[in-house]
Protein backbone atom coordinates (compact mmCIF):
# COMPACT_ATOMS: atom_id res chain seq x y z
CA UNK A 1 -0.14 0.10 -0.08
CA UNK A 2 2.82 2.38 0.84
CA UNK A 3 4.62 2.12 -2.47
CA UNK A 4 1.40 3.09 -4.19
CA UNK A 5 0.73 5.90 -1.93
CA UNK A 6 4.39 7.29 -2.63
CA UNK A 7 3.58 6.87 -6.38
CA UNK A 8 0.34 8.89 -6.15
CA UNK A 9 2.17 11.69 -4.25
CA UNK A 10 4.99 11.67 -6.84
CA UNK A 11 2.31 12.10 -9.72
CA UNK A 12 0.75 14.85 -7.94
CA UNK A 13 3.95 16.78 -7.52
CA UNK A 14 4.56 16.40 -11.26
CA UNK A 15 5.14 19.71 -13.21
CA UNK A 16 2.36 18.98 -15.60
CA UNK A 17 -0.44 17.13 -13.62
CA UNK A 18 -2.06 20.53 -12.50
CA UNK A 19 -2.24 21.37 -16.14
CA UNK A 20 -3.31 17.90 -17.75
CA UNK A 21 -7.02 18.96 -17.89
CA UNK A 22 -6.00 21.75 -20.26
CA UNK A 23 -8.00 22.18 -23.47
CA UNK A 24 -7.08 20.11 -26.17
CA UNK A 25 -4.12 21.30 -28.45
CA UNK A 26 -5.08 23.23 -31.64
CA UNK A 27 -5.12 21.22 -34.71
CA UNK A 28 -2.73 23.74 -36.35
CA UNK A 29 0.16 25.09 -34.38
CA UNK A 30 3.80 26.11 -35.42
CA UNK A 31 6.08 24.07 -33.13
CA UNK A 32 9.74 24.84 -33.80
CA UNK A 33 13.34 24.92 -32.23
CA UNK A 34 16.10 27.11 -32.94
CA UNK A 35 19.28 25.24 -34.01
CA UNK A 36 22.19 27.45 -33.48
CA UNK A 37 25.61 26.86 -35.25
CA UNK A 38 27.60 29.90 -34.01
CA UNK A 39 30.28 28.85 -31.70
CA UNK A 40 28.80 25.38 -32.25
CA UNK A 41 25.97 26.11 -29.55
CA UNK A 42 23.83 23.45 -30.93
CA UNK A 43 25.20 21.80 -34.21
CA UNK A 44 27.93 20.32 -35.06
CA UNK A 45 28.79 19.53 -31.50
CA UNK A 46 32.31 20.82 -32.35
CA UNK A 47 34.48 22.04 -35.30
CA UNK A 48 36.07 19.86 -37.70
CA UNK A 49 33.86 16.69 -37.40
CA UNK A 50 33.63 14.17 -40.10
CA UNK A 51 30.66 14.48 -42.37
CA UNK A 52 29.38 11.25 -41.31
CA UNK A 53 29.46 12.45 -37.65
CA UNK A 54 27.81 15.76 -38.51
CA UNK A 55 25.08 14.08 -40.31
CA UNK A 56 24.23 11.63 -37.78
CA UNK A 57 24.23 14.46 -34.93
CA UNK A 58 21.73 16.36 -37.07
CA UNK A 59 19.39 13.25 -37.68
CA UNK A 60 19.49 12.60 -34.05
CA UNK A 61 18.40 16.25 -33.23
CA UNK A 62 15.54 15.87 -35.89
CA UNK A 63 14.56 12.56 -34.62
CA UNK A 64 14.39 13.65 -31.04
CA UNK A 65 12.58 16.96 -31.83
CA UNK A 66 10.09 14.97 -34.01
CA UNK A 67 9.30 12.62 -31.06
CA UNK A 68 8.99 15.52 -28.78
CA UNK A 69 6.15 16.90 -31.05
CA UNK A 70 8.06 19.55 -32.96
CA UNK A 71 7.18 20.29 -36.55
CA UNK A 72 9.66 22.66 -37.71
CA UNK A 73 13.37 23.56 -37.07
CA UNK A 74 14.96 27.08 -37.67
CA UNK A 75 18.57 26.35 -38.29
CA UNK A 76 21.57 29.02 -38.45
CA UNK A 77 23.16 28.93 -41.83
CA UNK A 78 24.84 32.03 -41.97
CA UNK A 79 26.05 33.58 -38.71
CA UNK A 80 28.93 35.72 -39.57
CA UNK A 81 29.23 36.52 -43.23
CA UNK A 82 30.00 32.88 -43.53
CA UNK A 83 28.09 29.65 -44.92
CA UNK A 84 26.98 26.36 -44.06
CA UNK A 85 26.15 25.87 -47.63
CA UNK A 86 27.94 26.09 -51.01
CA UNK A 87 28.11 29.82 -51.76
CA UNK A 88 30.06 31.61 -54.47
CA UNK A 89 29.82 34.89 -52.36
CA UNK A 90 31.08 33.83 -48.82
CA UNK A 91 33.45 31.36 -47.51
CA UNK A 92 32.49 28.12 -45.44
CA UNK A 93 32.08 28.44 -41.81
CA UNK A 94 34.82 27.72 -39.45
CA UNK A 95 32.13 26.07 -37.15
CA UNK A 96 31.62 23.49 -39.62
CA UNK A 97 35.02 22.53 -40.88
CA UNK A 98 37.18 24.03 -38.24
CA UNK A 99 38.72 26.76 -40.52
CA UNK A 100 36.77 29.38 -42.40
CA UNK A 101 36.79 28.89 -46.21
CA UNK A 102 37.57 25.17 -46.03
CA UNK A 103 34.82 22.78 -46.94
CA UNK A 104 34.14 19.67 -45.27
CA UNK A 105 36.14 16.53 -46.56
CA UNK A 106 34.83 14.34 -48.05
CA UNK A 107 32.58 17.03 -49.59
CA UNK A 108 28.84 17.56 -48.95
CA UNK A 109 26.46 20.55 -48.82
CA UNK A 110 25.15 20.63 -45.37
CA UNK A 111 22.09 22.90 -46.05
CA UNK A 112 21.15 20.82 -48.81
CA UNK A 113 21.29 17.52 -46.45
CA UNK A 114 19.45 19.30 -43.63
CA UNK A 115 16.66 20.30 -45.74
CA UNK A 116 16.32 16.90 -47.20
CA UNK A 117 16.35 15.01 -43.75
CA UNK A 118 13.75 17.52 -42.37
CA UNK A 119 11.30 17.07 -45.23
CA UNK A 120 11.61 13.52 -44.87
CA UNK A 121 10.44 13.67 -41.49
CA UNK A 122 7.46 16.10 -42.36
CA UNK A 123 9.12 19.01 -40.61
CA UNK A 124 9.44 22.62 -42.10
CA UNK A 125 12.86 23.88 -42.61
CA UNK A 126 13.58 27.76 -42.06
CA UNK A 127 17.13 29.11 -42.78
CA UNK A 128 18.05 31.32 -40.16
CA UNK A 129 20.51 34.22 -41.39
CA UNK A 130 22.16 36.94 -39.37
CA UNK A 131 22.32 39.58 -42.09
CA UNK A 132 24.68 42.26 -40.71
CA UNK A 133 26.79 40.64 -38.31
CA UNK A 134 30.28 39.79 -40.07
CA UNK A 135 32.64 39.05 -37.34
CA UNK A 136 31.62 37.80 -33.97
CA UNK A 137 35.18 38.71 -32.17
CA UNK A 138 37.70 40.59 -33.99
CA UNK A 139 40.27 39.62 -31.36
CA UNK A 140 39.98 36.05 -31.87
CA UNK A 141 38.52 35.40 -35.13
CA UNK A 142 40.50 33.92 -37.86
CA UNK A 143 39.23 35.47 -41.14
CA UNK A 144 39.80 33.87 -44.62
CA UNK A 145 41.37 36.10 -47.14
CA UNK A 146 38.09 36.10 -49.48
CA UNK A 147 36.05 37.08 -46.64
CA UNK A 148 33.94 40.02 -47.31
CA UNK A 149 35.59 42.19 -44.61
CA UNK A 150 38.85 41.72 -46.54
CA UNK A 151 37.66 42.42 -49.94
CA UNK A 152 35.22 45.17 -48.85
CA UNK A 153 36.71 46.45 -45.84
CA UNK A 154 34.92 50.03 -46.44
CA UNK A 155 31.44 48.43 -45.93
CA UNK A 156 32.09 47.68 -42.40
CA UNK A 157 31.64 49.25 -38.83
CA UNK A 158 33.44 48.03 -35.67
CA UNK A 159 31.76 48.28 -32.48
CA UNK A 160 33.19 46.69 -29.30
CA UNK A 161 34.28 43.16 -30.33
CA UNK A 162 32.07 43.12 -33.22
CA UNK A 163 32.41 43.83 -37.02
CA UNK A 164 29.11 44.47 -38.83
CA UNK A 165 27.90 45.44 -42.34
CA UNK A 166 27.03 49.30 -42.36
CA UNK A 167 23.29 48.95 -43.23
CA UNK A 168 23.48 52.84 -44.18
CA UNK A 169 25.40 51.97 -47.43
CA UNK A 170 23.14 51.08 -50.35
CA UNK A 171 25.45 48.57 -51.95
CA UNK A 172 25.63 46.76 -48.72
CA UNK A 173 21.96 46.41 -48.49
CA UNK A 174 21.90 45.35 -52.21
CA UNK A 175 24.69 42.64 -51.34
CA UNK A 176 22.86 41.16 -48.43
CA UNK A 177 19.68 41.02 -50.42
CA UNK A 178 21.52 39.22 -53.21
CA UNK A 179 22.79 36.61 -50.52
CA UNK A 180 19.26 36.07 -49.11
CA UNK A 181 17.89 35.64 -52.81
CA UNK A 182 20.67 33.03 -53.57
CA UNK A 183 19.50 30.81 -50.62
CA UNK A 184 15.93 31.23 -51.36
CA UNK A 185 16.48 30.36 -55.01
CA UNK A 186 18.67 27.58 -54.85
CA UNK A 187 17.67 25.75 -51.81
CA UNK A 188 14.17 24.26 -51.09
CA UNK A 189 13.65 26.03 -47.87
CA UNK A 190 10.24 26.51 -46.46
CA UNK A 191 11.24 30.08 -44.77
CA UNK A 192 14.01 32.81 -44.50
CA UNK A 193 14.47 33.74 -40.91
CA UNK A 194 16.26 36.65 -39.35
CA UNK A 195 16.87 37.16 -35.50
CA UNK A 196 17.27 40.15 -33.30
CA UNK A 197 20.72 41.38 -34.61
CA UNK A 198 20.28 44.45 -36.96
CA UNK A 199 22.12 47.38 -35.50
CA UNK A 200 24.20 45.90 -32.64
CA UNK A 201 23.14 46.10 -28.93
CA UNK A 202 24.37 49.16 -27.20
CA UNK A 203 27.90 48.80 -25.81
CA UNK A 204 28.75 51.52 -23.25
CA UNK A 205 31.70 53.58 -24.44
CA UNK A 206 31.49 52.32 -27.89
CA UNK A 207 30.89 54.61 -30.90
CA UNK A 208 28.94 53.24 -33.72
CA UNK A 209 31.16 55.31 -36.35
CA UNK A 210 28.43 55.86 -38.81
CA UNK A 211 28.26 59.76 -38.87
CA UNK A 212 30.05 60.03 -42.04
CA UNK A 213 27.91 57.63 -43.64
CA UNK A 214 24.79 59.40 -42.35
CA UNK A 215 25.79 62.69 -43.98
CA UNK A 216 26.38 61.01 -47.11
CA UNK A 217 23.21 59.26 -47.46
CA UNK A 218 20.80 61.02 -45.12
CA UNK A 219 18.14 61.74 -47.70
CA UNK A 220 16.58 64.62 -45.77
CA UNK A 221 16.57 62.72 -42.35
CA UNK A 222 17.22 65.13 -39.51
CA UNK A 223 18.13 62.43 -36.77
CA UNK A 224 20.35 59.85 -37.14
CA UNK A 225 18.28 57.39 -35.34
CA UNK A 226 15.45 57.70 -37.78
CA UNK A 227 17.90 57.29 -40.73
CA UNK A 228 19.08 54.06 -39.18
CA UNK A 229 15.81 52.69 -38.85
CA UNK A 230 14.95 53.47 -42.38
CA UNK A 231 18.03 51.66 -43.48
CA UNK A 232 17.03 48.46 -41.73
CA UNK A 233 13.37 48.95 -42.90
CA UNK A 234 14.57 49.46 -46.73
CA UNK A 235 16.49 46.18 -46.46
CA UNK A 236 13.46 44.32 -44.94
CA UNK A 237 11.23 45.52 -47.71
CA UNK A 238 13.74 44.56 -50.32
CA UNK A 239 14.24 41.16 -48.97
CA UNK A 240 10.38 40.57 -49.01
CA UNK A 241 10.08 41.77 -52.40
CA UNK A 242 12.79 39.47 -53.68
CA UNK A 243 11.61 36.29 -51.89
CA UNK A 244 8.04 37.01 -53.25
CA UNK A 245 9.38 37.57 -56.86
CA UNK A 246 11.54 34.48 -56.84
CA UNK A 247 9.77 31.93 -54.56
CA UNK A 248 6.33 33.33 -53.34
CA UNK A 249 5.76 30.35 -51.31
CA UNK A 250 8.65 30.90 -49.16
CA UNK A 251 8.13 32.40 -45.65
CA UNK A 252 9.82 35.38 -44.52
CA UNK A 253 9.94 35.99 -40.66
CA UNK A 254 11.79 38.02 -37.92
CA UNK A 255 12.51 37.17 -34.35
CA UNK A 256 13.05 40.48 -32.63
CA UNK A 257 13.97 41.53 -29.17
CA UNK A 258 10.79 41.09 -27.15
CA UNK A 259 9.88 44.65 -26.57
CA UNK A 260 9.28 46.89 -29.52
CA UNK A 261 8.64 50.13 -27.45
CA UNK A 262 7.78 50.90 -23.74
CA UNK A 263 4.67 52.87 -23.36
CA UNK A 264 6.41 55.66 -22.00
CA UNK A 265 8.31 56.19 -25.27
CA UNK A 266 5.34 55.56 -27.36
CA UNK A 267 1.44 55.28 -27.17
CA UNK A 268 1.68 52.17 -29.05
CA UNK A 269 4.21 50.66 -26.88
CA UNK A 270 3.88 47.97 -24.06
CA UNK A 271 3.30 48.50 -20.66
CA UNK A 272 6.81 47.47 -19.81
CA UNK A 273 10.08 49.26 -18.56
CA UNK A 274 12.70 47.51 -20.62
CA UNK A 275 16.29 48.91 -20.88
CA UNK A 276 16.41 47.90 -24.52
CA UNK A 277 13.97 48.20 -27.12
CA UNK A 278 13.96 46.91 -30.60
CA UNK A 279 12.80 50.34 -32.03
CA UNK A 280 15.03 52.51 -30.07
CA UNK A 281 18.35 50.69 -29.60
CA UNK A 282 18.43 47.97 -32.44
CA UNK A 283 16.75 50.40 -34.92
CA UNK A 284 14.34 47.56 -36.03
CA UNK A 285 10.66 48.78 -36.47
CA UNK A 286 9.26 45.52 -36.48
CA UNK A 287 5.69 46.92 -36.07
CA UNK A 288 6.19 49.01 -39.11
CA UNK A 289 7.12 45.92 -40.96
CA UNK A 290 4.02 43.91 -39.93
CA UNK A 291 1.96 46.86 -40.80
CA UNK A 292 3.10 47.00 -44.24
CA UNK A 293 3.07 43.24 -44.87
CA UNK A 294 6.86 42.92 -45.26
CA UNK A 295 7.28 39.91 -43.01
CA UNK A 296 4.94 36.70 -42.81
CA UNK A 297 5.62 36.11 -39.20
CA UNK A 298 7.05 37.31 -36.12
CA UNK A 299 8.66 35.48 -33.38
CA UNK A 300 9.48 38.06 -30.66
CA UNK A 301 12.06 36.72 -27.99
CA UNK A 302 9.83 36.86 -24.95
CA UNK A 303 12.70 35.57 -22.68
CA UNK A 304 11.30 36.86 -19.27
CA UNK A 305 9.29 34.79 -17.13
CA UNK A 306 5.65 35.18 -16.07
CA UNK A 307 6.58 36.47 -12.70
CA UNK A 308 9.04 39.32 -14.21
CA UNK A 309 8.19 42.81 -13.04
CA UNK A 310 9.61 44.88 -15.76
CA UNK A 311 8.97 42.71 -18.88
CA UNK A 312 6.18 40.30 -17.82
CA UNK A 313 5.40 37.45 -20.03
CA UNK A 314 1.69 37.72 -20.00
CA UNK A 315 1.61 41.65 -20.93
CA UNK A 316 4.19 40.82 -23.85
CA UNK A 317 1.92 38.17 -25.28
CA UNK A 318 -1.09 40.27 -25.23
CA UNK A 319 0.59 43.46 -26.84
CA UNK A 320 1.99 41.41 -29.65
CA UNK A 321 -1.28 39.70 -30.03
CA UNK A 322 -2.66 43.23 -30.74
CA UNK A 323 0.10 44.24 -33.17
CA UNK A 324 0.53 41.69 -35.82
CA UNK A 325 -1.67 43.06 -38.39
CA UNK A 326 -3.02 39.75 -39.54
CA UNK A 327 0.49 38.02 -39.94
CA UNK A 328 1.52 34.91 -37.74
CA UNK A 329 2.72 35.20 -34.14
CA UNK A 330 5.00 32.64 -32.73
CA UNK A 331 6.10 33.12 -29.20
CA UNK A 332 10.10 32.77 -28.56
CA UNK A 333 10.57 30.76 -25.19
CA UNK A 334 13.71 30.87 -23.43
CA UNK A 335 14.26 27.13 -22.66
CA UNK A 336 17.94 27.90 -21.69
CA UNK A 337 16.84 29.77 -18.78
CA UNK A 338 15.09 26.80 -17.15
CA UNK A 339 17.02 25.96 -14.11
CA UNK A 340 19.94 27.96 -15.25
CA UNK A 341 19.16 31.47 -14.28
CA UNK A 342 20.05 33.86 -11.52
CA UNK A 343 16.04 34.61 -11.44
CA UNK A 344 14.77 31.82 -9.19
CA UNK A 345 11.23 32.16 -10.95
CA UNK A 346 12.92 29.93 -13.65
CA UNK A 347 13.13 27.12 -11.19
CA UNK A 348 9.31 26.75 -11.25
CA UNK A 349 8.46 23.72 -13.21
CA UNK A 350 5.28 25.05 -14.42
CA UNK A 351 6.83 28.04 -16.02
CA UNK A 352 6.77 26.69 -19.46
CA UNK A 353 3.57 24.83 -19.10
CA UNK A 354 2.02 28.05 -17.94
CA UNK A 355 3.53 30.33 -20.91
CA UNK A 356 2.16 27.77 -23.49
CA UNK A 357 -1.27 27.61 -21.69
CA UNK A 358 -1.36 31.51 -21.70
CA UNK A 359 -0.48 31.76 -25.41
CA UNK A 360 -3.10 29.29 -26.50
CA UNK A 361 -5.70 31.45 -25.00
CA UNK A 362 -5.28 33.89 -27.87
CA UNK A 363 -7.34 31.96 -30.45
CA UNK A 364 -6.05 33.02 -34.06
CA UNK A 365 -3.79 35.56 -32.68
CA UNK A 366 -1.09 33.25 -31.37
CA UNK A 367 0.05 30.73 -33.83
CA UNK A 368 2.75 28.69 -32.20
CA UNK A 369 6.21 28.62 -30.32
CA UNK A 370 9.88 28.42 -30.83
CA UNK A 371 12.33 27.12 -28.20
CA UNK A 372 15.85 28.50 -27.73
CA UNK A 373 17.73 26.37 -28.29
CA UNK A 374 17.93 22.67 -29.43
CA UNK A 375 20.52 21.82 -26.67
CA UNK A 376 18.43 23.34 -23.86
CA UNK A 377 15.38 21.46 -25.32
CA UNK A 378 17.38 18.24 -25.12
CA UNK A 379 18.56 18.73 -21.59
CA UNK A 380 15.03 18.77 -20.42
CA UNK A 381 15.76 20.65 -17.28
CA UNK A 382 12.96 20.66 -15.06
CA UNK A 383 11.10 17.95 -17.28
CA UNK A 384 9.42 20.62 -19.32
CA UNK A 385 9.86 18.60 -22.49
CA UNK A 386 7.95 15.62 -20.94
CA UNK A 387 5.18 18.09 -20.22
CA UNK A 388 5.16 19.09 -23.88
CA UNK A 389 5.39 15.48 -25.23
CA UNK A 390 2.75 13.99 -22.91
CA UNK A 391 0.31 16.95 -22.94
CA UNK A 392 0.86 19.98 -25.02
CA UNK A 393 2.45 18.24 -27.76
CA UNK A 394 0.56 14.97 -27.39
CA UNK A 395 -0.99 14.89 -30.84
CA UNK A 396 0.59 15.76 -34.15
CA UNK A 397 -0.21 19.46 -35.25
CA UNK A 398 -0.37 20.72 -38.96
CA UNK A 399 1.34 24.02 -39.62
CA UNK A 400 -0.87 27.10 -39.69
CA UNK A 401 -2.10 28.30 -43.08
CA UNK A 402 -0.93 31.83 -44.63
CA UNK A 403 -3.95 32.91 -46.77
CA UNK A 404 -2.40 35.98 -48.04
CA UNK A 405 0.29 33.84 -49.65
CA UNK A 406 -1.99 30.96 -50.79
CA UNK A 407 -5.67 29.82 -49.61
CA UNK A 408 -6.51 27.24 -52.33
CA UNK A 409 -6.59 23.78 -51.05
CA UNK A 410 -5.03 21.09 -53.21
CA UNK A 411 -6.94 18.26 -54.91
CA UNK A 412 -7.70 15.41 -52.63
CA UNK A 413 -5.88 12.10 -52.80
CA UNK A 414 -7.38 9.67 -55.37
CA UNK A 415 -9.52 6.72 -54.56
CA UNK A 416 -8.34 5.65 -51.02
CA UNK A 417 -9.34 2.32 -50.43
CA UNK A 418 -8.65 -0.61 -48.27
CA UNK A 419 -7.01 -3.55 -49.88
CA UNK A 420 -5.58 -6.74 -48.58
CA UNK A 421 -1.81 -7.37 -49.20
CA UNK A 422 1.10 -9.26 -47.57
CA UNK A 423 -1.44 -10.63 -45.09
CA UNK A 424 -2.14 -7.09 -43.91
CA UNK A 425 -5.22 -4.67 -44.27
CA UNK A 426 -3.73 -1.48 -46.17
CA UNK A 427 -5.09 1.75 -47.13
CA UNK A 428 -4.12 2.60 -50.70
CA UNK A 429 -4.41 5.76 -52.91
CA UNK A 430 -3.09 7.58 -55.69
CA UNK A 431 -1.52 11.11 -55.66
CA UNK A 432 -3.45 14.02 -57.09
CA UNK A 433 -2.12 15.97 -59.97
CA UNK A 434 -1.01 19.41 -59.21
CA UNK A 435 0.47 22.27 -61.38
CA UNK A 436 1.34 25.15 -59.38
CA UNK A 437 4.43 24.77 -57.01
CA UNK A 438 2.61 25.99 -53.97
CA UNK A 439 0.07 22.97 -54.59
CA UNK A 440 2.60 20.35 -54.54
CA UNK A 441 1.89 17.67 -51.92
CA UNK A 442 3.69 18.22 -48.71
CA UNK A 443 2.06 15.27 -46.86
CA UNK A 444 -1.14 13.26 -46.36
CA UNK A 445 -3.31 13.39 -43.27
CA UNK A 446 -4.73 10.10 -41.96
CA UNK A 447 -7.93 10.45 -39.62
CA UNK A 448 -9.53 7.63 -37.65
CA UNK A 449 -12.97 8.10 -35.97
CA UNK A 450 -14.77 5.76 -33.79
CA UNK A 451 -18.16 5.11 -35.12
CA UNK A 452 -19.68 6.79 -31.89
CA UNK A 453 -17.65 9.91 -32.44
CA UNK A 454 -18.81 12.81 -34.48
CA UNK A 455 -16.85 13.59 -37.54
CA UNK A 456 -14.70 16.51 -36.42
CA UNK A 457 -11.77 17.13 -38.49
CA UNK A 458 -10.66 20.05 -36.30
CA UNK A 459 -9.76 17.70 -33.33
CA UNK A 460 -6.21 16.47 -33.55
CA UNK A 461 -7.02 13.37 -31.39
CA UNK A 462 -8.24 11.83 -34.53
CA UNK A 463 -5.14 12.27 -36.55
CA UNK A 464 -3.75 8.75 -36.96
CA UNK A 465 -0.71 9.68 -38.99
CA UNK A 466 0.87 12.56 -41.00
CA UNK A 467 2.49 10.62 -43.98
CA UNK A 468 5.16 11.45 -46.47
CA UNK A 469 4.17 12.75 -49.95
CA UNK A 470 5.97 9.75 -51.67
CA UNK A 471 3.71 7.32 -49.67
CA UNK A 472 0.69 5.81 -51.26
CA UNK A 473 -0.23 3.25 -48.92
CA UNK A 474 -0.58 2.71 -45.14
CA UNK A 475 -0.84 -0.61 -43.22
CA UNK A 476 -3.46 -1.00 -40.46
CA UNK A 477 -1.42 -2.18 -37.65
CA UNK A 478 -4.08 -3.12 -35.24
CA UNK A 479 -6.92 -5.39 -36.74
CA UNK A 480 -8.74 -5.76 -33.47
CA UNK A 481 -11.77 -3.53 -33.18
CA UNK A 482 -11.00 -2.54 -36.76
CA UNK A 483 -14.56 -2.34 -37.91
CA UNK A 484 -15.37 -0.04 -35.16
CA UNK A 485 -13.76 2.90 -36.95
CA UNK A 486 -14.06 4.99 -40.06
CA UNK A 487 -10.93 6.45 -41.79
CA UNK A 488 -10.55 9.64 -43.81
CA UNK A 489 -7.50 10.78 -45.85
CA UNK A 490 -6.59 14.36 -47.01
CA UNK A 491 -3.77 15.86 -48.98
CA UNK A 492 -1.66 18.95 -47.62
CA UNK A 493 0.10 21.31 -49.83
CA UNK A 494 3.39 23.45 -49.64
CA UNK A 495 1.47 26.16 -47.63
CA UNK A 496 -0.42 23.84 -45.37
CA UNK A 497 -3.67 23.97 -47.18
CA UNK A 498 -5.74 20.95 -46.50
CA UNK A 499 -7.82 19.15 -49.18
CA UNK A 500 -11.20 17.82 -48.61
CA UNK A 501 -10.89 14.72 -46.40
CA UNK A 502 -12.10 11.73 -48.32
CA UNK A 503 -13.45 8.48 -46.55
CA UNK A 504 -11.58 5.30 -47.28
CA UNK A 505 -13.71 3.07 -49.29
CA UNK A 506 -14.40 -0.55 -49.21
CA UNK A 507 -12.63 -3.02 -51.52
CA UNK A 508 -14.41 -3.90 -54.80
CA UNK A 509 -15.74 -7.28 -55.18
CA UNK A 510 -12.95 -8.16 -57.61
CA UNK A 511 -10.29 -7.48 -54.73
CA UNK A 512 -12.36 -9.43 -52.29
CA UNK A 513 -12.37 -12.43 -54.84
CA UNK A 514 -8.46 -12.41 -54.80
CA UNK A 515 -8.41 -13.16 -51.11
CA UNK A 516 -6.88 -16.67 -50.93
CA UNK A 517 -5.14 -18.60 -48.46
CA UNK A 518 -2.44 -19.11 -47.11
CA UNK A 519 -3.50 -15.92 -45.27
CA UNK A 520 -4.20 -16.37 -41.74
CA UNK A 521 -7.93 -17.68 -41.31
CA UNK A 522 -8.56 -15.38 -38.29
CA UNK A 523 -7.40 -12.21 -40.29
CA UNK A 524 -9.63 -13.28 -43.23
CA UNK A 525 -12.66 -13.91 -40.86
CA UNK A 526 -11.98 -10.65 -39.12
CA UNK A 527 -11.84 -8.61 -42.56
CA UNK A 528 -15.08 -10.66 -43.65
CA UNK A 529 -16.98 -9.50 -40.47
CA UNK A 530 -15.60 -5.87 -41.20
CA UNK A 531 -17.07 -6.12 -44.75
CA UNK A 532 -20.41 -7.56 -43.83
CA UNK A 533 -20.72 -4.51 -41.11
CA UNK A 534 -19.72 -2.10 -43.64
CA UNK A 535 -22.13 -3.38 -46.18
CA UNK A 536 -24.91 -3.32 -43.64
CA UNK A 537 -23.91 0.37 -43.05
CA UNK A 538 -24.01 1.26 -46.75
CA UNK A 539 -27.23 -0.51 -47.79
CA UNK A 540 -29.76 0.39 -45.05
CA UNK A 541 -32.49 0.85 -47.59
CA UNK A 542 -35.15 -1.13 -49.05
CA UNK A 543 -33.12 -2.22 -51.84
CA UNK A 544 -30.09 -3.21 -49.74
CA UNK A 545 -31.07 -6.81 -49.02
CA UNK A 546 -30.13 -8.20 -52.20
CA UNK A 547 -26.74 -6.42 -52.43
CA UNK A 548 -25.97 -7.37 -48.82
CA UNK A 549 -26.75 -11.06 -49.41
CA UNK A 550 -24.53 -10.84 -52.63
CA UNK A 551 -21.44 -9.30 -50.47
CA UNK A 552 -21.90 -12.07 -47.75
CA UNK A 553 -21.87 -14.70 -50.41
CA UNK A 554 -18.79 -13.36 -52.07
CA UNK A 555 -17.09 -13.06 -48.55
CA UNK A 556 -18.19 -16.76 -47.64
CA UNK A 557 -16.75 -18.04 -50.95
CA UNK A 558 -13.50 -16.57 -50.80
CA UNK A 559 -12.74 -15.65 -47.30
CA UNK A 560 -13.73 -18.59 -45.05
């Protein structure tokens, strides 16, 4: 008796027990993780690993996050004017091969590999780019002779230990747009992603050193701060236009510092008291970009907890939900601070569950979450990942649609039917024909409903599987009680629009006639019983008697 009592007490102390009665998760939700490559934070684990080891590590990252319920990865592919991909403009990253400018040996293209593996698992891949940062530490970095800081030194500003592109120079902005466009055009990315680094964070005692550029390119601006914001906004608009022109189905998102402006600085600001703001200190007017439709999603880094006094999490979610102008809002969560912060509020096991629950209260205003970063998720401090996997991410989720990019559903799968093959009952179908690239089938969605359930395609508890676009059959693993369920199949396109779900049809009499031993008799009998019951459901009318007898006769002849 005592062990059972102790077990119950343990369960009651679990961080997610008090939340397990939360409303069912949404059918559509962006569930992503940032995978940082700068300084080998997340991947690869260290410089100079063999390609085989790098690939094995990345596959392990994907498999684990997929198992945790994630459906997207945001991978840093350009951290400091370098490349985790084959580029004719910038050298290979030192955090990949161990030396800037040196490709892996034997050669492979990491970006191409990562995209392929993510898509194989039904996960979106967003290419994370730091546009303006060029050197992370001028004192310790070993810069390749062909690095842009060597070939175009006049384009750069030094600020503290950083060296960054001068956003005020038009040629710089053109060059950076070209870099982004090159990735979008050559690689099958689902999104282009910028983080919070535009102009650098304030460094006490450092001078930005761009006054000369301001006087040359000021274009009527009276204040240098307004000019700086305009430089970044021009760049964002140009990236948006280029991505739309070359690959309109690719998403463009930004993850800014959590506070746009404090209310005491602007009537439109949040009720916060932040020492830094995106608008005033990083010169990134994300609210303007959303208002003008230049970005498809925003993922503010809400890295303070729910008990924080100056930048409270709940206040920030509410502010952002009111200032997205119809675009997607994904909440950035500080997984790295759980059980690893001077603020003891992060030692509360209920903190991340509370953040997710609060975010989900904003129906159609908050569309998902991104966690920083992958290593912190895998560490699972405070067992928050257990809470995700068992409760909040218990069911698979489709990614949210973006109707301003495409709202046309694809054609449904063709003729989904039950078949009997290799001693198994299978669902088989044919791929629909699509013309537009955005309509290309990204996955299939298989639903299962108990006959006592109402047919509700918005309830993710009925999603049996999300299937690969190359898959055209699915084996029913559990034959027991098989006849108590109805199955439906739909197609999902590149931008996550869903076709009309089609009910899986009964086999034709010709297929039934092909059922022969040596199939296990119990399976045949079970399938026969299922067919009889389905036939009764289909022919509940005056003329159904003859058809039902015919079906029973066929099954008796060929199945028993």
